[in-house]
Amino acid sequence: MGERSGEMQACGIVVEYNPFHNGHEFHVQQARKASGADVVVAVMSGNFLQRGEPAIVDKWQRARAALENGVDLIVELPPAWSVQSADFFAKGAISILQSLDCSFLCFGTDAPEPFDYEAFAHFEQNNQEVIDQFFQENASENQTYTQKMHAAFAAVYPDFLAEAHLPNHILGMRYARETCQYPSPMKLLPISRKQAAYHSQELSGGMIASATAIRKAVKAGQEIKGYVPESVRNDLLDQTIDWEFFWPLLQYQLIATPLEQLRTRYQVTEGLEYRIKDCLHATSFAEFMALLKTKRYTRTRLQRLMCYLLFQATSEEVQQAQKNTGIRILGFTTAGQTYLKQVKKKTDLPLISKFGKKESERFGYSLRVDQIYQLASPQIVEQNFGRSPIFLKN
């Protein structure tokens, strides 16, 4: 990358903030410290997330919390990239951070020992044929794609970690693979995760708990003071959203859609439409998931599929939306604004700070997803039209 005289340097991070908590604030501080960058730029999933869930509070509330707690510029990862497997999620996020000219990428990792992500990415790039061949020859029918891929890596790459079920480590490998395809790749800065395991279910004694544990505590009416910033606590006390809000809409959708039409929806394969139709007597989303789940279909994969069905997404539409990625600016601090002015001329993706008729035609898929999110509750405010980036003076 080299020092660019007089220019600000940025460290990129990929986030969901569901909700924003102390561990996230620590990550932002670490990113700034490890990179020595002038600004921290976050790309954040919008109102639906990688694991196929609606966000607990909307993207603007989460963006504000990020800006109040150390992030300088926050932009949205559009739903065509966010509600996806790790591969696509990483591809979309990295393309946005590279487009915003970030010099570094800092990510949390749950790898139990140091792992050279860059070396792994280069190995993968140079040995694609060997990996593919192993994948084809040794893939067991009953394994998920991720399990097959890991078996292939473990066989051909001696340093590959056996603990390949670690979600952040998997994302780290995907980030590395994506960045090394750019002419000026971001420098990777993996940071070990502090205290809370990624999906640990309970609040611990310290100041840092996982987002999963915080969501669970909120649902159970437990106190979360001390684990999240005060403004986040107020947002969560005000109202939280989960899948159950959308169950009547999804159930109606699935009852009303004929089988042959269900088949045309994004990712509906292998006769899944019959199984879906058979489980519609469920009285809640949780029950529906329990009925649908099999060894072959993980809960996460099914939840993502339910998002696509709720959005009435087709393959063509998702691919089109991916090709047509724009960078929706959710907010910035004074420093973030200065940085934005610096990269404005360089970015190869369109920057969106106002959303009007033109944008609604160009980014129709993103708009529809947000409009559906708004249906969860009358309390959710307009997500697009008339919204300007949040500005926080610092």
Protein backbone atom coordinates (compact mmCIF):
# COMPACT_ATOMS: atom_id res chain seq x y z
CA MET A 1 0.00 0.00 0.00
CA GLY A 2 2.79 2.38 0.95
CA GLU A 3 2.37 5.61 2.88
CA ARG A 4 0.23 8.06 0.97
CA SER A 5 1.54 11.45 1.95
CA GLY A 6 -1.01 13.80 3.40
CA GLU A 7 -3.84 11.34 2.85
CA MET A 8 -5.91 9.84 5.64
CA GLN A 9 -5.72 6.09 6.03
CA ALA A 10 -8.67 3.91 6.96
CA CYS A 11 -9.09 0.59 8.70
CA GLY A 12 -12.14 -1.37 7.56
CA ILE A 13 -14.28 -3.64 9.75
CA VAL A 14 -17.23 -5.89 8.83
CA VAL A 15 -20.00 -5.86 11.41
CA GLU A 16 -23.63 -6.61 12.24
CA TYR A 17 -24.03 -5.00 15.67
CA ASN A 18 -27.06 -7.05 16.66
CA PRO A 19 -27.04 -5.20 19.04
CA PHE A 20 -23.94 -3.01 19.50
CA HIS A 21 -22.20 -3.95 22.77
CA ASN A 22 -18.97 -3.45 24.76
CA GLY A 23 -17.13 -6.18 22.85
CA HIS A 24 -17.78 -4.23 19.64
CA GLU A 25 -16.42 -1.03 21.19
CA PHE A 26 -13.28 -2.97 22.16
CA HIS A 27 -12.96 -4.25 18.57
CA VAL A 28 -13.16 -0.68 17.19
CA GLN A 29 -10.44 0.47 19.63
CA GLN A 30 -8.26 -2.51 18.68
CA ALA A 31 -8.75 -1.80 14.97
CA ARG A 32 -7.61 1.79 15.45
CA LYS A 33 -4.64 0.75 17.59
CA ALA A 34 -3.45 -2.18 15.48
CA SER A 35 -3.71 -0.28 12.19
CA GLY A 36 -2.63 3.17 13.32
CA ALA A 37 -5.25 4.40 10.83
CA ASP A 38 -6.88 7.84 11.00
CA VAL A 39 -10.42 6.50 10.67
CA VAL A 40 -12.35 3.27 11.25
CA VAL A 41 -14.82 2.44 8.48
CA ALA A 42 -17.54 -0.12 9.21
CA VAL A 43 -19.63 -1.97 6.66
CA MET A 44 -22.72 -3.25 8.48
CA SER A 45 -25.53 -5.59 7.48
CA GLY A 46 -28.78 -3.66 7.13
CA ASN A 47 -32.11 -4.81 8.57
CA PHE A 48 -31.67 -8.52 7.82
CA LEU A 49 -28.53 -10.39 8.84
CA GLN A 50 -26.14 -13.08 7.69
CA ARG A 51 -27.77 -15.82 9.76
CA GLY A 52 -31.14 -15.13 8.17
CA GLU A 53 -32.65 -13.04 10.97
CA PRO A 54 -34.22 -9.60 11.20
CA ALA A 55 -32.04 -7.15 13.16
CA ILE A 56 -33.12 -6.61 16.77
CA VAL A 57 -33.28 -2.83 16.14
CA ASP A 58 -33.13 -1.03 12.80
CA LYS A 59 -29.98 -0.14 10.84
CA TRP A 60 -30.12 3.57 11.73
CA GLN A 61 -30.28 2.86 15.47
CA ARG A 62 -27.33 0.47 15.17
CA ALA A 63 -25.37 2.95 13.01
CA ARG A 64 -25.86 5.71 15.59
CA ALA A 65 -24.58 3.46 18.38
CA ALA A 66 -21.49 2.67 16.30
CA LEU A 67 -20.72 6.36 15.65
CA GLU A 68 -21.21 7.21 19.33
CA ASN A 69 -18.70 4.50 20.27
CA GLY A 70 -15.70 4.93 18.00
CA VAL A 71 -16.66 4.22 14.37
CA ASP A 72 -15.98 7.16 11.98
CA LEU A 73 -17.88 6.12 8.87
CA ILE A 74 -20.58 3.47 8.64
CA VAL A 75 -22.11 2.14 5.43
CA GLU A 76 -24.63 -0.59 4.71
CA LEU A 77 -23.95 -4.08 3.39
CA PRO A 78 -27.01 -4.50 1.13
CA PRO A 79 -29.34 -7.49 1.68
CA ALA A 80 -28.25 -9.15 -1.59
CA TRP A 81 -24.88 -9.67 0.16
CA SER A 82 -25.78 -9.69 3.86
CA VAL A 83 -28.36 -12.52 3.91
CA GLN A 84 -25.92 -15.01 2.41
CA SER A 85 -23.46 -17.78 3.21
CA ALA A 86 -20.01 -16.70 4.46
CA ASP A 87 -18.59 -16.69 0.89
CA PHE A 88 -21.00 -14.13 -0.54
CA PHE A 89 -21.19 -12.14 2.70
CA ALA A 90 -17.40 -11.70 2.61
CA LYS A 91 -17.34 -10.96 -1.12
CA GLY A 92 -19.86 -8.11 -0.78
CA ALA A 93 -18.32 -6.63 2.37
CA ILE A 94 -14.76 -6.70 1.01
CA SER A 95 -15.81 -5.15 -2.32
CA ILE A 96 -17.32 -2.20 -0.42
CA LEU A 97 -14.31 -1.69 1.89
CA GLN A 98 -11.86 -1.98 -1.02
CA SER A 99 -13.97 0.49 -2.98
CA LEU A 100 -13.76 2.89 -0.02
CA ASP A 101 -9.96 2.62 -0.29
CA CYS A 102 -9.36 1.08 3.15
CA SER A 103 -5.70 0.20 3.81
CA PHE A 104 -6.40 -2.36 6.54
CA LEU A 105 -9.02 -4.93 7.46
CA CYS A 106 -9.35 -5.75 11.14
CA PHE A 107 -11.53 -8.71 12.17
CA GLY A 108 -12.14 -10.72 15.32
CA THR A 109 -11.08 -14.35 15.22
CA ASP A 110 -11.94 -17.29 17.45
CA ALA A 111 -9.01 -19.37 16.16
CA PRO A 112 -7.40 -20.97 19.24
CA GLU A 113 -3.87 -20.24 17.96
CA PRO A 114 -2.37 -17.68 15.56
CA PHE A 115 -3.29 -18.45 11.95
CA ASP A 116 -1.73 -16.87 8.87
CA TYR A 117 -4.83 -15.86 6.92
CA GLU A 118 -2.85 -14.25 4.11
CA ALA A 119 -0.69 -17.33 3.51
CA PHE A 120 -3.80 -19.49 3.52
CA ALA A 121 -5.55 -17.27 0.96
CA HIS A 122 -2.56 -17.38 -1.39
CA PHE A 123 -2.32 -21.15 -0.99
CA GLU A 124 -6.00 -21.48 -1.84
CA GLN A 125 -5.63 -19.19 -4.85
CA ASN A 126 -2.69 -21.20 -6.21
CA ASN A 127 -4.08 -24.67 -5.51
CA GLN A 128 -7.71 -24.31 -6.54
CA GLU A 129 -7.60 -27.39 -8.82
CA VAL A 130 -6.22 -29.69 -6.12
CA ILE A 131 -8.84 -28.45 -3.63
CA ASP A 132 -11.67 -28.84 -6.15
CA GLN A 133 -10.53 -32.32 -7.09
CA PHE A 134 -10.42 -33.46 -3.46
CA PHE A 135 -13.82 -31.85 -2.91
CA GLN A 136 -15.36 -33.78 -5.84
CA GLU A 137 -13.78 -37.13 -5.00
CA ASN A 138 -14.27 -37.24 -1.26
CA ALA A 139 -17.47 -35.35 -0.65
CA SER A 140 -19.95 -37.33 1.39
CA GLU A 141 -23.63 -36.94 0.52
CA ASN A 142 -24.70 -36.15 4.05
CA GLN A 143 -22.29 -33.29 4.65
CA THR A 144 -23.08 -29.62 4.26
CA TYR A 145 -21.07 -27.60 1.75
CA THR A 146 -19.01 -26.05 4.58
CA GLN A 147 -18.16 -29.47 6.04
CA LYS A 148 -17.06 -30.76 2.61
CA MET A 149 -14.93 -27.69 2.02
CA HIS A 150 -13.23 -28.01 5.39
CA ALA A 151 -12.43 -31.66 4.82
CA ALA A 152 -10.78 -30.66 1.53
CA PHE A 153 -8.73 -27.87 3.16
CA ALA A 154 -7.66 -30.06 6.07
CA ALA A 155 -6.40 -32.68 3.60
CA VAL A 156 -4.34 -30.34 1.42
CA TYR A 157 -3.22 -27.58 3.81
CA PRO A 158 -1.18 -28.83 6.79
CA ASP A 159 -1.71 -25.71 8.93
CA PHE A 160 -5.48 -25.69 8.46
CA LEU A 161 -7.13 -25.59 11.87
CA ALA A 162 -9.17 -28.64 12.77
CA GLU A 163 -11.54 -26.40 14.72
CA ALA A 164 -13.06 -25.28 11.45
CA HIS A 165 -16.51 -24.89 12.97
CA LEU A 166 -15.47 -21.54 14.43
CA PRO A 167 -17.69 -18.96 12.70
CA ASN A 168 -15.31 -16.01 12.95
CA HIS A 169 -12.33 -18.02 11.82
CA ILE A 170 -14.31 -19.17 8.77
CA LEU A 171 -15.22 -15.57 7.96
CA GLY A 172 -11.57 -14.56 8.41
CA MET A 173 -10.52 -17.12 5.80
CA ARG A 174 -13.21 -15.84 3.43
CA TYR A 175 -12.11 -12.21 3.94
CA ALA A 176 -8.52 -13.21 3.19
CA ARG A 177 -9.56 -15.01 0.02
CA GLU A 178 -11.51 -11.98 -1.22
CA THR A 179 -8.90 -9.33 -0.38
CA CYS A 180 -6.04 -11.14 -2.10
CA GLN A 181 -7.90 -10.79 -5.42
CA TYR A 182 -7.51 -6.99 -5.45
CA PRO A 183 -4.49 -5.19 -6.92
CA SER A 184 -3.96 -3.22 -3.66
CA PRO A 185 -5.35 -5.57 -1.03
CA MET A 186 -6.11 -4.41 2.50
CA LYS A 187 -3.59 -5.58 5.07
CA LEU A 188 -5.22 -8.18 7.35
CA LEU A 189 -5.22 -7.61 11.11
CA PRO A 190 -6.82 -10.54 12.98
CA ILE A 191 -7.63 -9.80 16.64
CA SER A 192 -8.36 -12.51 19.21
CA ARG A 193 -11.86 -12.27 20.62
CA LYS A 194 -12.05 -11.18 24.24
CA GLN A 195 -13.91 -13.12 26.94
CA ALA A 196 -17.24 -14.04 25.39
CA ALA A 197 -17.42 -16.88 22.92
CA TYR A 198 -19.21 -15.80 19.74
CA HIS A 199 -22.51 -17.52 20.40
CA SER A 200 -22.24 -18.14 24.15
CA GLN A 201 -25.77 -18.05 25.47
CA GLU A 202 -25.33 -16.54 28.93
CA LEU A 203 -24.29 -13.16 30.33
CA SER A 204 -20.97 -13.59 32.12
CA GLY A 205 -19.63 -11.69 35.11
CA GLY A 206 -17.39 -9.38 33.06
CA MET A 207 -18.30 -6.34 30.98
CA ILE A 208 -18.32 -8.24 27.70
CA ALA A 209 -21.07 -10.64 26.65
CA SER A 210 -21.93 -12.03 23.22
CA ALA A 211 -24.71 -10.45 21.16
CA THR A 212 -26.52 -13.82 21.36
CA ALA A 213 -26.48 -13.70 25.19
CA ILE A 214 -27.62 -10.06 25.19
CA ARG A 215 -30.55 -10.78 22.83
CA LYS A 216 -31.56 -13.73 25.01
CA ALA A 217 -31.38 -11.59 28.17
CA VAL A 218 -33.48 -8.84 26.57
CA LYS A 219 -36.11 -11.40 25.59
CA ALA A 220 -36.17 -12.79 29.12
CA GLY A 221 -36.50 -9.28 30.59
CA GLN A 222 -33.09 -9.45 32.31
CA GLU A 223 -31.03 -6.34 33.02
CA ILE A 224 -28.30 -5.68 30.43
CA LYS A 225 -26.91 -2.47 31.98
CA GLY A 226 -23.11 -2.55 31.85
CA TYR A 227 -22.95 -4.83 28.80
CA VAL A 228 -24.12 -2.27 26.24
CA PRO A 229 -23.85 1.53 25.94
CA GLU A 230 -26.72 3.40 27.63
CA SER A 231 -28.29 4.59 24.34
CA VAL A 232 -28.39 0.98 23.08
CA ARG A 233 -30.04 -0.14 26.31
CA ASN A 234 -32.74 2.50 25.78
CA ASP A 235 -33.32 1.35 22.18
CA LEU A 236 -33.65 -2.25 23.36
CA LEU A 237 -36.04 -1.34 26.18
CA ASP A 238 -38.14 0.60 23.70
CA GLN A 239 -38.73 -2.22 21.22
CA THR A 240 -36.98 -5.26 19.81
CA ILE A 241 -37.77 -7.19 16.62
CA ASP A 242 -37.41 -10.92 15.96
CA TRP A 243 -38.71 -13.52 13.49
CA GLU A 244 -42.01 -14.04 15.32
CA PHE A 245 -43.14 -10.55 14.18
CA PHE A 246 -42.89 -11.78 10.59
CA TRP A 247 -44.40 -15.24 11.09
CA PRO A 248 -48.00 -14.25 10.09
CA LEU A 249 -46.64 -12.57 6.93
CA LEU A 250 -44.41 -15.52 6.05
CA GLN A 251 -47.11 -18.08 6.79
CA TYR A 252 -49.60 -16.24 4.59
CA GLN A 253 -46.99 -15.95 1.85
CA LEU A 254 -46.25 -19.69 1.91
CA ILE A 255 -49.90 -20.72 2.03
CA ALA A 256 -50.87 -18.40 -0.82
CA THR A 257 -47.96 -19.25 -3.13
CA PRO A 258 -48.55 -22.30 -5.38
CA LEU A 259 -45.88 -25.02 -5.39
CA GLU A 260 -44.71 -24.29 -8.93
CA GLN A 261 -44.14 -20.66 -7.97
CA LEU A 262 -42.31 -21.55 -4.76
CA ARG A 263 -39.92 -23.56 -6.91
CA THR A 264 -38.84 -20.40 -8.75
CA ARG A 265 -37.76 -18.64 -5.56
CA TYR A 266 -34.09 -18.11 -4.75
CA GLN A 267 -32.40 -21.21 -3.22
CA VAL A 268 -35.52 -23.40 -3.15
CA THR A 269 -34.00 -26.70 -4.32
CA GLU A 270 -34.22 -30.47 -3.85
CA GLY A 271 -37.98 -30.54 -3.35
CA LEU A 272 -37.82 -28.30 -0.28
CA GLU A 273 -41.08 -26.68 -1.37
CA TYR A 274 -43.03 -29.87 -0.45
CA ARG A 275 -41.46 -30.00 2.99
CA ILE A 276 -42.27 -26.31 3.52
CA LYS A 277 -45.93 -26.83 2.55
CA ASP A 278 -46.17 -29.79 4.95
CA CYS A 279 -45.02 -27.76 7.95
CA LEU A 280 -47.35 -24.77 7.59
CA HIS A 281 -49.64 -25.88 10.42
CA ALA A 282 -46.98 -24.53 12.83
CA THR A 283 -48.30 -21.83 15.16
CA SER A 284 -45.02 -19.91 15.49
CA PHE A 285 -41.80 -19.35 13.57
CA ALA A 286 -39.86 -21.32 16.22
CA GLU A 287 -42.18 -24.31 15.80
CA PHE A 288 -42.00 -24.02 12.00
CA MET A 289 -38.17 -24.11 12.13
CA ALA A 290 -38.18 -27.10 14.47
CA LEU A 291 -40.45 -29.00 12.03
CA LEU A 292 -38.38 -28.05 8.96
CA LYS A 293 -34.89 -28.67 10.29
CA THR A 294 -33.00 -31.79 9.22
CA LYS A 295 -29.35 -32.86 9.42
CA ARG A 296 -28.89 -31.71 5.85
CA TYR A 297 -30.45 -28.27 6.32
CA THR A 298 -28.96 -26.25 9.12
CA ARG A 299 -31.13 -23.74 10.95
CA THR A 300 -29.09 -20.86 9.54
CA ARG A 301 -29.53 -22.03 5.96
CA LEU A 302 -33.27 -22.46 6.49
CA GLN A 303 -33.60 -19.05 8.13
CA ARG A 304 -31.89 -17.45 5.14
CA LEU A 305 -34.24 -19.34 2.85
CA MET A 306 -37.23 -18.01 4.82
CA CYS A 307 -35.88 -14.48 4.30
CA TYR A 308 -35.80 -15.07 0.53
CA LEU A 309 -39.36 -16.38 0.61
CA LEU A 310 -40.51 -13.44 2.72
CA PHE A 311 -38.86 -11.09 0.18
CA GLN A 312 -40.19 -13.13 -2.80
CA ALA A 313 -36.63 -13.13 -4.11
CA THR A 314 -35.64 -14.85 -7.36
CA SER A 315 -32.11 -15.84 -8.44
CA GLU A 316 -32.05 -13.29 -11.26
CA GLU A 317 -33.08 -10.55 -8.90
CA VAL A 318 -30.45 -11.31 -6.25
CA GLN A 319 -27.71 -11.61 -8.89
CA GLN A 320 -28.83 -8.34 -10.46
CA ALA A 321 -28.80 -6.61 -7.06
CA GLN A 322 -25.27 -7.94 -6.42
CA LYS A 323 -24.06 -6.61 -9.79
CA ASN A 324 -25.71 -3.31 -8.98
CA THR A 325 -24.19 -2.71 -5.55
CA GLY A 326 -24.29 0.83 -4.19
CA ILE A 327 -22.71 2.13 -0.98
CA ARG A 328 -25.47 3.45 1.26
CA ILE A 329 -23.94 5.89 3.73
CA LEU A 330 -25.61 5.51 7.12
CA GLY A 331 -23.51 8.01 9.03
CA PHE A 332 -20.17 9.63 9.82
CA THR A 333 -18.28 11.69 12.35
CA THR A 334 -16.35 14.84 11.39
CA ALA A 335 -13.29 12.70 10.64
CA GLY A 336 -15.41 10.23 8.68
CA GLN A 337 -16.85 13.05 6.60
CA THR A 338 -13.37 14.34 5.76
CA TYR A 339 -12.32 10.82 4.75
CA LEU A 340 -15.41 10.44 2.59
CA LYS A 341 -14.49 13.61 0.69
CA GLN A 342 -11.05 12.11 0.06
CA VAL A 343 -12.35 8.83 -1.42
CA LYS A 344 -15.40 10.19 -3.24
CA LYS A 345 -13.50 10.59 -6.51
CA LYS A 346 -11.84 7.16 -6.29
CA THR A 347 -14.64 4.79 -5.40
CA ASP A 348 -15.85 2.52 -8.20
CA LEU A 349 -19.25 1.88 -6.57
CA PRO A 350 -21.93 4.60 -6.42
CA LEU A 351 -22.20 6.40 -3.06
CA ILE A 352 -25.80 6.90 -1.87
CA SER A 353 -26.48 9.54 0.75
CA LYS A 354 -30.07 10.40 -0.25
CA PHE A 355 -32.70 7.90 -1.35
CA GLY A 356 -35.29 9.11 -3.87
CA LYS A 357 -37.21 7.88 -6.91
CA LYS A 358 -34.08 7.21 -8.98
CA GLU A 359 -32.51 5.14 -6.19
CA SER A 360 -35.74 3.23 -5.56
CA GLU A 361 -35.69 2.09 -9.20
CA ARG A 362 -32.02 1.21 -9.18
CA PHE A 363 -31.92 -0.45 -5.75
CA GLY A 364 -35.40 -1.95 -5.70
CA TYR A 365 -34.44 -5.17 -3.92
CA SER A 366 -32.87 -3.31 -0.97
CA LEU A 367 -35.88 -1.02 -0.76
CA ARG A 368 -38.35 -3.92 -0.69
CA VAL A 369 -36.41 -5.68 2.08
CA ASP A 370 -36.52 -2.53 4.23
CA GLN A 371 -40.23 -1.98 3.53
CA ILE A 372 -40.89 -5.55 4.68
CA TYR A 373 -38.82 -4.96 7.83
CA GLN A 374 -40.97 -1.90 8.56
CA LEU A 375 -44.09 -4.10 8.54
CA ALA A 376 -42.95 -5.77 11.76
CA SER A 377 -44.19 -2.85 13.81
CA PRO A 378 -45.75 0.61 13.39
CA GLN A 379 -43.00 1.87 15.70
CA ILE A 380 -40.32 1.28 13.04
CA VAL A 381 -39.74 4.56 11.25
CA GLU A 382 -39.24 5.04 7.49
CA GLN A 383 -35.93 3.41 6.54
CA ASN A 384 -35.11 5.08 3.21
CA PHE A 385 -37.01 8.06 1.83
CA GLY A 386 -36.08 11.35 3.41
CA ARG A 387 -33.32 9.80 5.51
CA SER A 388 -29.91 11.50 5.45
CA PRO A 389 -26.70 10.10 6.92
CA ILE A 390 -26.34 10.59 10.67
CA PHE A 391 -23.73 13.24 11.41
CA LEU A 392 -21.87 13.18 14.72
CA LYS A 393 -19.47 16.05 15.39
CA ASN A 394 -16.25 14.91 17.05
